Amino acid sequence: MMFCRIESLRRWARAAIVAAVALAAPAAHAATAMGYAVVPTTTIYPGETISGGQLQEVEVTNPNLAGDYAKSIDEVNGRISKRTLLPGRTISVSALRDPYTVTRGSNIRLVFKLGSMAISAAGSPLEDGMTGQLIRVRNMDSGVIVSGTVLADGTIHVASK
């Protein structure tokens, strides 16, 4: 009979310890911030340029939140949304792209350099392109389609074959 009481007390003590740990665990997680995440304050639609006024940084307390979400407003400001971004939801970095440097159908300058010789001509991109991207361009003078790299100033550097 004494053995049953001791065993019963041990079970009660184990249950009390498990309950105390279970109650303390969420409080410990809630008190520990895991950094910040950027969330929109308004709905942002695909193709829209994101401004800092549409964003806010919130503290991350969910330990299950993982992935490539934006952690600062500077990481998102001025970029273009590829998907609809909903208010209060974290912004995935893969849902953003840099703005295009040149757009399809616009007038641009083609530049070809070989040693000290430089040739330039008017051109029209056949596709949108970001700085550093290789795109196809139509030479407006000859009608020939060439490929070139988009430069930051909006010109296209044509490579020799």
Protein backbone atom coordinates (compact mmCIF):
# COMPACT_ATOMS: atom_id res chain seq x y z
CA MET A 1 0.00 0.00 0.00
CA MET A 2 2.88 2.33 0.78
CA PHE A 3 4.40 1.46 -2.58
CA CYS A 4 1.21 2.53 -4.41
CA ARG A 5 1.24 5.93 -2.66
CA ILE A 6 4.89 6.60 -3.54
CA GLU A 7 4.29 5.60 -7.16
CA SER A 8 1.23 7.83 -7.26
CA LEU A 9 3.25 10.78 -5.89
CA ARG A 10 5.95 10.19 -8.49
CA ARG A 11 3.36 10.24 -11.32
CA TRP A 12 1.85 13.42 -9.91
CA ALA A 13 5.31 15.07 -9.68
CA ARG A 14 6.15 14.09 -13.29
CA ALA A 15 2.81 15.46 -14.52
CA ALA A 16 3.40 18.72 -12.63
CA ILE A 17 6.87 19.11 -14.16
CA VAL A 18 5.59 18.40 -17.68
CA ALA A 19 2.77 20.91 -17.21
CA ALA A 20 5.15 23.58 -15.89
CA VAL A 21 7.51 23.12 -18.84
CA ALA A 22 4.61 23.18 -21.32
CA LEU A 23 3.28 26.43 -19.84
CA ALA A 24 6.70 28.08 -19.73
CA ALA A 25 7.73 27.14 -23.30
CA PRO A 26 5.28 29.41 -25.21
CA ALA A 27 6.06 32.32 -22.91
CA ALA A 28 9.78 31.86 -23.56
CA HIS A 29 9.21 31.78 -27.34
CA ALA A 30 6.92 34.83 -27.25
CA ALA A 31 9.45 36.83 -25.25
CA THR A 32 12.29 35.97 -27.63
CA ALA A 33 12.11 37.95 -30.86
CA MET A 34 13.64 36.27 -33.88
CA GLY A 35 14.32 39.46 -35.86
CA TYR A 36 12.09 41.48 -38.12
CA ALA A 37 10.03 40.85 -41.23
CA VAL A 38 8.58 43.31 -43.74
CA VAL A 39 4.83 43.24 -44.37
CA PRO A 40 2.69 45.44 -46.64
CA THR A 41 0.11 47.77 -45.11
CA THR A 42 -1.96 47.78 -48.32
CA THR A 43 -2.54 45.29 -51.13
CA ILE A 44 0.28 45.44 -53.70
CA TYR A 45 -0.50 44.09 -57.17
CA PRO A 46 1.84 42.40 -59.70
CA GLY A 47 3.93 44.87 -61.70
CA GLU A 48 3.54 47.60 -59.09
CA THR A 49 6.62 49.45 -57.82
CA ILE A 50 6.79 49.13 -54.03
CA SER A 51 7.36 52.28 -51.96
CA GLY A 52 8.43 52.52 -48.34
CA GLY A 53 5.06 54.05 -47.38
CA GLN A 54 3.32 50.77 -48.21
CA LEU A 55 5.49 48.74 -45.82
CA GLN A 56 6.18 48.22 -42.16
CA GLU A 57 8.64 46.12 -40.18
CA VAL A 58 7.16 43.74 -37.61
CA GLU A 59 8.83 41.61 -34.97
CA VAL A 60 8.98 37.89 -35.78
CA THR A 61 7.98 35.66 -32.85
CA ASN A 62 6.89 32.55 -34.76
CA PRO A 63 9.74 29.99 -34.67
CA ASN A 64 8.14 28.12 -37.58
CA LEU A 65 8.48 31.09 -39.95
CA ALA A 66 11.24 30.16 -42.36
CA GLY A 67 12.15 30.97 -45.88
CA ASP A 68 13.37 33.87 -47.89
CA TYR A 69 11.18 36.63 -46.43
CA ALA A 70 12.34 40.27 -46.52
CA LYS A 71 13.87 41.43 -43.24
CA SER A 72 14.23 45.18 -43.86
CA ILE A 73 12.30 47.85 -45.77
CA ASP A 74 15.46 48.77 -47.74
CA GLU A 75 15.48 45.24 -49.18
CA VAL A 76 11.99 45.81 -50.70
CA ASN A 77 11.76 49.55 -51.38
CA GLY A 78 11.86 50.41 -55.11
CA ARG A 79 11.53 46.81 -56.31
CA ILE A 80 8.69 45.44 -58.46
CA SER A 81 6.16 42.89 -57.21
CA LYS A 82 5.78 39.69 -59.25
CA ARG A 83 2.73 38.53 -57.26
CA THR A 84 -0.11 40.04 -55.26
CA LEU A 85 1.17 40.91 -51.78
CA LEU A 86 -1.46 40.98 -49.04
CA PRO A 87 -1.45 43.27 -45.98
CA GLY A 88 0.04 41.71 -42.85
CA ARG A 89 1.70 38.81 -44.74
CA THR A 90 5.47 38.48 -45.00
CA ILE A 91 7.01 39.37 -48.36
CA SER A 92 8.98 36.60 -50.03
CA VAL A 93 12.15 37.91 -51.69
CA SER A 94 11.43 35.61 -54.65
CA ALA A 95 8.17 37.56 -55.21
CA LEU A 96 10.21 40.68 -56.08
CA ARG A 97 12.33 41.76 -59.04
CA ASP A 98 14.48 44.75 -59.89
CA PRO A 99 12.99 47.37 -62.21
CA TYR A 100 13.81 47.06 -65.92
CA THR A 101 16.56 49.33 -67.22
CA VAL A 102 15.26 49.15 -70.81
CA THR A 103 11.75 48.28 -71.96
CA ARG A 104 10.59 46.58 -75.13
CA GLY A 105 9.96 48.95 -78.03
CA SER A 106 11.77 51.95 -76.54
CA ASN A 107 14.54 53.86 -78.34
CA ILE A 108 18.01 53.05 -77.04
CA ARG A 109 21.62 53.44 -78.14
CA LEU A 110 23.61 50.39 -79.36
CA VAL A 111 27.37 50.53 -78.74
CA PHE A 112 30.00 48.26 -80.29
CA LYS A 113 33.64 48.61 -79.21
CA LEU A 114 36.64 46.94 -80.77
CA GLY A 115 39.95 48.21 -79.43
CA SER A 116 39.94 51.99 -79.71
CA MET A 117 37.13 51.96 -82.30
CA ALA A 118 33.56 52.56 -81.09
CA ILE A 119 30.45 52.37 -83.28
CA SER A 120 27.07 53.50 -82.06
CA ALA A 121 23.63 53.18 -83.62
CA ALA A 122 19.96 53.59 -82.74
CA GLY A 123 18.21 50.45 -81.58
CA SER A 124 14.98 49.07 -80.18
CA PRO A 125 14.92 46.27 -77.57
CA LEU A 126 12.82 43.24 -78.48
CA GLU A 127 12.38 42.40 -74.78
CA ASP A 128 12.56 44.08 -71.38
CA GLY A 129 15.96 43.93 -69.72
CA MET A 130 17.68 44.67 -66.41
CA THR A 131 21.26 45.87 -65.99
CA GLY A 132 23.69 43.09 -66.87
CA GLN A 133 21.13 40.99 -68.74
CA LEU A 134 21.73 39.78 -72.31
CA ILE A 135 18.81 40.74 -74.59
CA ARG A 136 17.97 40.85 -78.31
CA VAL A 137 17.86 44.27 -79.98
CA ARG A 138 16.92 45.46 -83.48
CA ASN A 139 19.33 47.90 -85.13
CA MET A 140 17.01 50.66 -86.38
CA ASP A 141 19.32 51.65 -89.27
CA SER A 142 19.87 48.18 -90.80
CA GLY A 143 17.01 46.12 -89.32
CA VAL A 144 19.50 43.46 -88.15
CA ILE A 145 18.75 41.76 -84.83
CA VAL A 146 21.76 41.55 -82.50
CA SER A 147 22.30 40.51 -78.88
CA GLY A 148 23.84 42.77 -76.29
CA THR A 149 24.27 43.39 -72.59
CA VAL A 150 22.18 46.07 -70.89
CA LEU A 151 24.31 48.74 -69.20
CA ALA A 152 23.20 50.82 -66.21
CA ASP A 153 22.82 53.99 -68.32
CA GLY A 154 20.30 52.24 -70.63
CA THR A 155 22.64 51.60 -73.56
CA ILE A 156 23.24 48.14 -75.00
CA HIS A 157 26.80 46.89 -75.40
CA VAL A 158 26.89 44.63 -78.47
CA ALA A 159 29.45 41.85 -78.34
CA SER A 160 31.35 40.65 -81.39
CA LYS A 161 30.77 37.11 -82.61
